Amino acid sequence: MLPSRVLCGILSLALAGAVAAEEPPAAAPPPTVDAPVMDTVLVTGEQPGPGLWKVSKGDHVLWILGTWSPLPAGMSWRSKQAEELIAQSQEVLTTPRANVEIGFFRRLTLLPSLIGVRKNADGDKLEDVLPPDLYARWQVLKERYIGRDKGIERQRPMFAARELYRKAIAKSGLSLKNDAQSLVREIAKQHGVKVEEVNVEIEVDDPRQAIREFKSSPREADVACLRATMDRLETDLAAMKQRANAWASGDLESLRNLPYVDQTRTCISGVASAPGLRERIAAAQARVAEEWTRAAENALARNASTFAVLPMEELTKNDGWLSRLGAKGYAVEAPE
């Protein structure tokens, strides 16, 4: 997925770390919390990662690295092929970022609106807002991954879900960091290759209204986000490790053969449950996709070789950004 960009472009002051997505998939049946999970040994040290996607028109080529998250915390990405191609390229395109356009002094005036944005209304605790069976599951996972933290009990389920997921990933030996993009930047800098920042400025005409809409989003949407997150942690952690190892070692076949239900789709759907926010998020998603496509086409036109970094999903899904280039007549080749 496109980590944090679209939603942060609209509600960056209120919601750091959400993920833009489409309609949520059907909910999975509640899992058994204490089901045994086979442990997976995570790879460490330097790993090559996956092969590169190739987009071409004539003799001009765009090479794309597909990134993944989470990855083994003890590994570092190092690809001789990628380093050579970056050094030979005239330009590097970064993963798109959506930046909110709100002036500094205007941000200050928003501070009162942000008070309590992470907390449940009326001083409620999670025990008050979650169904009993869901709260029982929460207590087990909280004890396992977070420990003693009374403050989190007052947070909205959506924010509690984010913290639970972050802590569970870390305790499982995984990392949410995208070190590959940072290394691509470093390699480009070493070889004097231009880095084109693909940034999209998102204007928020009425940020107070956006915050009000978020605060008033239905509680059921918040609860659904936490439920989906716990479903994922209870059933998919072992497979997460397998996917992380598969990306690190360049085993794309195994990566494709380990599908999963992404809880962030449910969470972003909850944020977008207010009509005004739904429209803003959809518009921001469309703009980010359009800007990256435009940047890629311009780079292909002016450069013999360009290197880019994109989330793996945009390279593999049928309606991803890469498919847009294919529909426009560019030759697209997936790595073997």
Protein backbone atom coordinates (compact mmCIF):
# COMPACT_ATOMS: atom_id res chain seq x y z
CA MET A 1 0.00 0.00 0.00
CA LEU A 2 0.89 3.73 -0.24
CA PRO A 3 2.08 4.23 3.36
CA SER A 4 0.57 7.26 5.21
CA ARG A 5 0.55 9.62 2.26
CA VAL A 6 -3.00 10.22 1.18
CA LEU A 7 -4.67 10.37 4.58
CA CYS A 8 -1.81 12.34 6.12
CA GLY A 9 -2.21 14.84 3.31
CA ILE A 10 -5.71 15.53 4.58
CA LEU A 11 -5.57 14.81 8.30
CA SER A 12 -1.85 14.77 9.02
CA LEU A 13 -2.37 16.76 12.19
CA ALA A 14 -4.86 14.23 13.49
CA LEU A 15 -4.05 10.84 12.00
CA ALA A 16 -0.43 9.91 11.37
CA GLY A 17 0.22 6.48 9.92
CA ALA A 18 -3.03 5.44 8.26
CA VAL A 19 -2.91 3.87 4.82
CA ALA A 20 -4.90 4.79 1.73
CA ALA A 21 -6.89 1.93 0.27
CA GLU A 22 -10.03 0.98 -1.61
CA GLU A 23 -13.24 -0.59 -0.34
CA PRO A 24 -12.65 -3.07 2.51
CA PRO A 25 -12.93 -6.79 1.78
CA ALA A 26 -15.48 -8.99 3.48
CA ALA A 27 -14.76 -9.46 7.16
CA ALA A 28 -13.11 -12.70 8.20
CA PRO A 29 -14.73 -14.84 10.91
CA PRO A 30 -13.41 -14.22 14.44
CA PRO A 31 -10.25 -16.27 14.98
CA THR A 32 -9.19 -18.20 18.02
CA VAL A 33 -6.70 -16.11 19.95
CA ASP A 34 -4.75 -18.97 21.44
CA ALA A 35 -4.30 -20.97 18.22
CA PRO A 36 -0.70 -22.21 17.98
CA VAL A 37 1.54 -20.32 15.54
CA MET A 38 4.57 -21.93 13.93
CA ASP A 39 7.62 -19.75 14.36
CA THR A 40 9.47 -18.52 11.30
CA VAL A 41 13.17 -17.68 11.47
CA LEU A 42 13.66 -14.26 9.92
CA VAL A 43 16.56 -13.61 7.57
CA THR A 44 19.31 -11.22 8.67
CA GLY A 45 22.16 -9.30 7.10
CA GLU A 46 22.30 -8.00 3.54
CA GLN A 47 19.57 -9.35 1.26
CA PRO A 48 19.04 -8.74 -2.49
CA GLY A 49 15.31 -8.14 -2.45
CA PRO A 50 13.13 -8.79 -5.50
CA GLY A 51 14.00 -8.32 -9.13
CA LEU A 52 13.04 -5.08 -10.86
CA TRP A 53 10.06 -4.24 -13.02
CA LYS A 54 10.91 -2.82 -16.43
CA VAL A 55 8.84 -0.24 -18.30
CA SER A 56 10.06 0.81 -21.73
CA LYS A 57 9.19 2.77 -24.82
CA GLY A 58 11.68 2.50 -27.63
CA ASP A 59 15.14 2.52 -26.07
CA HIS A 60 14.10 4.47 -22.96
CA VAL A 61 13.66 2.39 -19.80
CA LEU A 62 12.15 2.91 -16.35
CA TRP A 63 13.33 0.41 -13.73
CA ILE A 64 11.10 0.02 -10.66
CA LEU A 65 11.85 -1.49 -7.26
CA GLY A 66 8.75 -2.75 -5.45
CA THR A 67 8.95 -2.15 -1.70
CA TRP A 68 7.29 -4.18 1.05
CA SER A 69 6.31 -3.74 4.68
CA PRO A 70 6.91 -5.12 7.22
CA LEU A 71 10.37 -6.57 6.65
CA PRO A 72 12.80 -8.45 8.93
CA ALA A 73 14.24 -5.94 11.38
CA GLY A 74 17.69 -7.51 11.19
CA MET A 75 18.11 -7.32 7.42
CA SER A 76 19.35 -4.60 5.10
CA TRP A 77 18.53 -4.39 1.41
CA ARG A 78 21.49 -4.49 -0.96
CA SER A 79 21.10 -5.20 -4.68
CA LYS A 80 24.09 -5.04 -7.00
CA GLN A 81 21.76 -4.92 -10.00
CA ALA A 82 19.83 -1.98 -8.57
CA GLU A 83 23.02 -0.10 -7.64
CA GLU A 84 24.39 -0.47 -11.17
CA LEU A 85 21.13 0.67 -12.76
CA ILE A 86 20.83 3.68 -10.44
CA ALA A 87 24.41 4.69 -11.28
CA GLN A 88 23.63 4.42 -15.01
CA SER A 89 20.36 6.36 -14.77
CA GLN A 90 19.79 10.04 -15.35
CA GLU A 91 17.05 10.33 -12.73
CA VAL A 92 15.47 8.63 -9.70
CA LEU A 93 11.75 8.98 -8.92
CA THR A 94 10.81 8.72 -5.26
CA THR A 95 7.70 7.10 -3.86
CA PRO A 96 4.95 9.75 -4.04
CA ARG A 97 4.20 11.82 -0.97
CA ALA A 98 1.07 13.83 -0.27
CA ASN A 99 1.73 16.98 1.74
CA VAL A 100 -0.99 19.00 3.43
CA GLU A 101 -1.08 22.70 2.58
CA ILE A 102 -1.83 24.52 5.83
CA GLY A 103 0.19 27.56 6.84
CA PHE A 104 2.15 27.63 10.10
CA PHE A 105 -0.05 30.20 11.84
CA ARG A 106 -3.15 28.46 10.60
CA ARG A 107 -1.84 25.25 12.12
CA LEU A 108 -1.58 27.02 15.47
CA THR A 109 -5.22 28.08 15.28
CA LEU A 110 -6.18 24.43 14.73
CA LEU A 111 -4.68 23.23 17.99
CA PRO A 112 -7.89 23.65 20.02
CA SER A 113 -9.76 21.56 17.42
CA LEU A 114 -7.25 18.74 17.85
CA ILE A 115 -7.68 18.43 21.59
CA GLY A 116 -9.13 15.01 22.34
CA VAL A 117 -9.07 13.85 18.72
CA ARG A 118 -7.44 10.56 19.74
CA LYS A 119 -9.70 9.90 22.72
CA ASN A 120 -13.14 8.37 22.99
CA ALA A 121 -16.01 10.79 23.47
CA ASP A 122 -17.42 11.47 26.93
CA GLY A 123 -14.35 10.02 28.66
CA ASP A 124 -15.26 6.48 27.64
CA LYS A 125 -12.72 3.67 27.82
CA LEU A 126 -12.30 0.82 25.37
CA GLU A 127 -14.21 -1.40 27.79
CA ASP A 128 -17.19 0.92 27.33
CA VAL A 129 -17.14 1.07 23.54
CA LEU A 130 -16.14 -2.47 22.52
CA PRO A 131 -18.43 -5.52 22.57
CA PRO A 132 -17.47 -7.84 25.48
CA ASP A 133 -16.00 -10.54 23.24
CA LEU A 134 -13.89 -8.01 21.35
CA TYR A 135 -12.67 -6.38 24.55
CA ALA A 136 -11.62 -9.80 25.89
CA ARG A 137 -9.54 -10.35 22.76
CA TRP A 138 -8.09 -6.85 23.12
CA GLN A 139 -6.97 -7.55 26.68
CA VAL A 140 -5.08 -10.67 25.58
CA LEU A 141 -3.29 -8.91 22.73
CA LYS A 142 -2.62 -5.78 24.75
CA GLU A 143 -0.95 -7.85 27.47
CA ARG A 144 1.08 -9.73 24.88
CA TYR A 145 2.35 -6.80 22.83
CA ILE A 146 1.85 -3.55 24.78
CA GLY A 147 1.87 -4.39 28.46
CA ARG A 148 0.75 -1.96 31.14
CA ASP A 149 -0.55 1.21 29.53
CA LYS A 150 -3.66 2.73 31.09
CA GLY A 151 -3.62 5.66 28.69
CA ILE A 152 -4.34 3.55 25.64
CA GLU A 153 -7.60 2.40 27.23
CA ARG A 154 -8.99 5.90 26.65
CA GLN A 155 -8.00 6.08 23.00
CA ARG A 156 -10.41 5.63 20.14
CA PRO A 157 -10.29 2.04 18.85
CA MET A 158 -8.68 3.21 15.61
CA PHE A 159 -5.70 4.70 17.43
CA ALA A 160 -5.49 1.76 19.82
CA ALA A 161 -5.39 -0.50 16.75
CA ARG A 162 -2.50 1.45 15.25
CA GLU A 163 -0.46 1.24 18.45
CA LEU A 164 -1.22 -2.45 18.91
CA TYR A 165 -0.15 -3.23 15.35
CA ARG A 166 3.04 -1.19 15.66
CA LYS A 167 4.05 -2.89 18.91
CA ALA A 168 3.15 -6.38 17.65
CA ILE A 169 5.25 -5.91 14.52
CA ALA A 170 8.26 -4.78 16.55
CA LYS A 171 7.94 -7.64 19.07
CA SER A 172 7.77 -10.12 16.18
CA GLY A 173 11.19 -9.08 14.88
CA LEU A 174 9.77 -7.07 11.98
CA SER A 175 10.13 -3.44 10.97
CA LEU A 176 7.77 -0.99 9.26
CA LYS A 177 10.62 1.22 8.03
CA ASN A 178 11.27 1.65 4.31
CA ASP A 179 15.06 1.58 4.30
CA ALA A 180 15.21 0.62 0.61
CA GLN A 181 14.06 4.06 -0.49
CA SER A 182 16.63 5.75 1.75
CA LEU A 183 19.39 3.60 0.29
CA VAL A 184 18.25 4.38 -3.27
CA ARG A 185 18.58 8.08 -2.43
CA GLU A 186 22.07 7.53 -1.02
CA ILE A 187 23.23 5.60 -4.09
CA ALA A 188 21.83 8.28 -6.40
CA LYS A 189 23.63 10.97 -4.42
CA GLN A 190 26.93 9.05 -4.57
CA HIS A 191 26.72 8.88 -8.36
CA GLY A 192 25.41 12.38 -8.93
CA VAL A 193 22.04 11.17 -10.19
CA LYS A 194 19.15 13.62 -9.96
CA VAL A 195 16.43 12.66 -7.46
CA GLU A 196 12.96 13.81 -8.50
CA GLU A 197 10.69 14.17 -5.49
CA VAL A 198 7.18 13.19 -6.53
CA ASN A 199 5.25 15.35 -4.09
CA VAL A 200 1.58 16.25 -4.28
CA GLU A 201 0.36 19.32 -2.40
CA ILE A 202 -3.11 18.72 -0.97
CA GLU A 203 -5.01 21.91 -0.18
CA VAL A 204 -7.48 21.71 2.68
CA ASP A 205 -9.89 24.62 2.38
CA ASP A 206 -11.47 24.06 5.78
CA PRO A 207 -9.20 21.94 8.01
CA ARG A 208 -11.41 22.54 11.04
CA GLN A 209 -14.32 20.99 9.18
CA ALA A 210 -12.17 18.00 8.20
CA ILE A 211 -11.24 17.47 11.84
CA ARG A 212 -14.87 17.84 12.94
CA GLU A 213 -15.92 15.25 10.38
CA PHE A 214 -13.27 12.86 11.61
CA LYS A 215 -14.28 13.36 15.23
CA SER A 216 -17.90 12.64 14.35
CA SER A 217 -17.24 9.51 12.30
CA PRO A 218 -19.38 6.56 13.51
CA ARG A 219 -18.05 4.61 16.47
CA GLU A 220 -18.85 1.39 14.63
CA ALA A 221 -16.21 2.27 12.04
CA ASP A 222 -13.59 2.66 14.77
CA VAL A 223 -14.56 -0.68 16.29
CA ALA A 224 -14.37 -2.38 12.89
CA CYS A 225 -10.81 -1.08 12.47
CA LEU A 226 -9.67 -2.57 15.78
CA ARG A 227 -11.45 -5.85 15.07
CA ALA A 228 -9.77 -6.17 11.65
CA THR A 229 -6.38 -5.36 13.17
CA MET A 230 -6.77 -8.00 15.86
CA ASP A 231 -7.97 -10.54 13.28
CA ARG A 232 -4.78 -9.90 11.34
CA LEU A 233 -2.48 -10.22 14.34
CA GLU A 234 -4.19 -13.36 15.61
CA THR A 235 -4.07 -15.20 12.28
CA ASP A 236 -1.37 -13.72 10.05
CA LEU A 237 1.82 -12.97 11.98
CA ALA A 238 3.55 -16.17 10.89
CA ALA A 239 2.65 -15.48 7.27
CA MET A 240 3.84 -11.88 7.66
CA LYS A 241 7.26 -13.25 8.52
CA GLN A 242 7.17 -15.56 5.53
CA ARG A 243 6.26 -12.65 3.23
CA ALA A 244 9.03 -10.55 4.74
CA ASN A 245 11.55 -13.31 4.09
CA ALA A 246 10.19 -13.80 0.57
CA TRP A 247 10.67 -10.13 -0.33
CA ALA A 248 14.13 -10.05 1.24
CA SER A 249 15.32 -13.08 -0.72
CA GLY A 250 13.61 -12.06 -3.96
CA ASP A 251 11.11 -14.93 -3.90
CA LEU A 252 8.19 -13.21 -5.63
CA GLU A 253 6.34 -16.48 -6.24
CA SER A 254 6.07 -17.12 -2.50
CA LEU A 255 5.01 -13.51 -1.97
CA ARG A 256 2.18 -13.93 -4.49
CA ASN A 257 1.13 -17.22 -2.90
CA LEU A 258 0.62 -15.70 0.55
CA PRO A 259 -2.50 -13.52 0.18
CA TYR A 260 -3.94 -11.73 3.18
CA VAL A 261 -6.76 -9.44 4.27
CA ASP A 262 -5.29 -5.98 4.81
CA GLN A 263 -6.82 -4.45 7.93
CA THR A 264 -5.89 -0.94 6.81
CA ARG A 265 -8.62 -1.11 4.17
CA THR A 266 -11.18 -1.40 6.93
CA CYS A 267 -9.51 1.36 8.94
CA ILE A 268 -9.35 3.85 6.09
CA SER A 269 -12.95 3.04 5.24
CA GLY A 270 -13.80 4.04 8.80
CA VAL A 271 -11.99 7.35 8.50
CA ALA A 272 -13.79 7.99 5.22
CA SER A 273 -17.21 7.14 6.61
CA ALA A 274 -18.08 10.84 6.74
CA PRO A 275 -19.10 11.96 3.21
CA GLY A 276 -16.85 15.04 3.24
CA LEU A 277 -13.78 13.03 4.18
CA ARG A 278 -14.63 10.30 1.68
CA GLU A 279 -14.61 12.86 -1.12
CA ARG A 280 -11.33 14.42 0.02
CA ILE A 281 -9.57 11.08 0.32
CA ALA A 282 -10.81 9.86 -3.07
CA ALA A 283 -9.67 13.10 -4.70
CA ALA A 284 -6.26 12.89 -3.03
CA GLN A 285 -5.81 9.26 -4.10
CA ALA A 286 -6.60 10.17 -7.69
CA ARG A 287 -4.19 13.11 -7.66
CA VAL A 288 -1.30 11.07 -6.28
CA ALA A 289 -1.82 8.39 -8.95
CA GLU A 290 -2.05 11.01 -11.69
CA GLU A 291 1.07 12.85 -10.54
CA TRP A 292 3.15 9.69 -10.39
CA THR A 293 1.97 8.59 -13.84
CA ARG A 294 2.80 12.02 -15.24
CA ALA A 295 6.25 11.99 -13.59
CA ALA A 296 6.96 8.50 -14.94
CA GLU A 297 5.93 9.43 -18.48
CA ASN A 298 8.00 12.61 -18.42
CA ALA A 299 11.02 10.70 -17.14
CA LEU A 300 10.63 8.05 -19.83
CA ALA A 301 10.46 10.76 -22.48
CA ARG A 302 13.57 12.66 -21.42
CA ASN A 303 15.84 9.94 -19.97
CA ALA A 304 17.46 6.88 -21.47
CA SER A 305 17.28 5.28 -18.01
CA THR A 306 15.24 6.14 -14.92
CA PHE A 307 14.96 4.33 -11.58
CA ALA A 308 11.86 4.48 -9.37
CA VAL A 309 10.58 3.10 -6.07
CA LEU A 310 6.93 2.10 -5.56
CA PRO A 311 4.94 -0.02 -3.13
CA MET A 312 4.69 -3.58 -4.41
CA GLU A 313 0.90 -3.42 -4.55
CA GLU A 314 0.95 -0.73 -7.22
CA LEU A 315 3.08 -3.03 -9.37
CA THR A 316 0.99 -6.17 -9.03
CA LYS A 317 -2.69 -5.25 -8.74
CA ASN A 318 -4.80 -5.07 -11.88
CA ASP A 319 -5.69 -1.40 -11.45
CA GLY A 320 -2.33 -0.29 -10.03
CA TRP A 321 -0.20 2.56 -11.29
CA LEU A 322 1.94 0.27 -13.40
CA SER A 323 -1.14 -0.97 -15.23
CA ARG A 324 -1.86 2.64 -16.23
CA LEU A 325 1.41 2.78 -18.13
CA GLY A 326 0.67 -0.54 -19.80
CA ALA A 327 -2.73 0.78 -20.90
CA LYS A 328 -0.97 3.77 -22.50
CA GLY A 329 1.15 1.55 -24.70
CA TYR A 330 4.33 1.21 -22.65
CA ALA A 331 5.94 -2.22 -22.55
CA VAL A 332 5.81 -3.61 -19.00
CA GLU A 333 7.89 -6.59 -17.91
CA ALA A 334 7.71 -8.19 -14.46
CA PRO A 335 10.85 -9.76 -12.96
CA GLU A 336 11.23 -13.50 -13.40
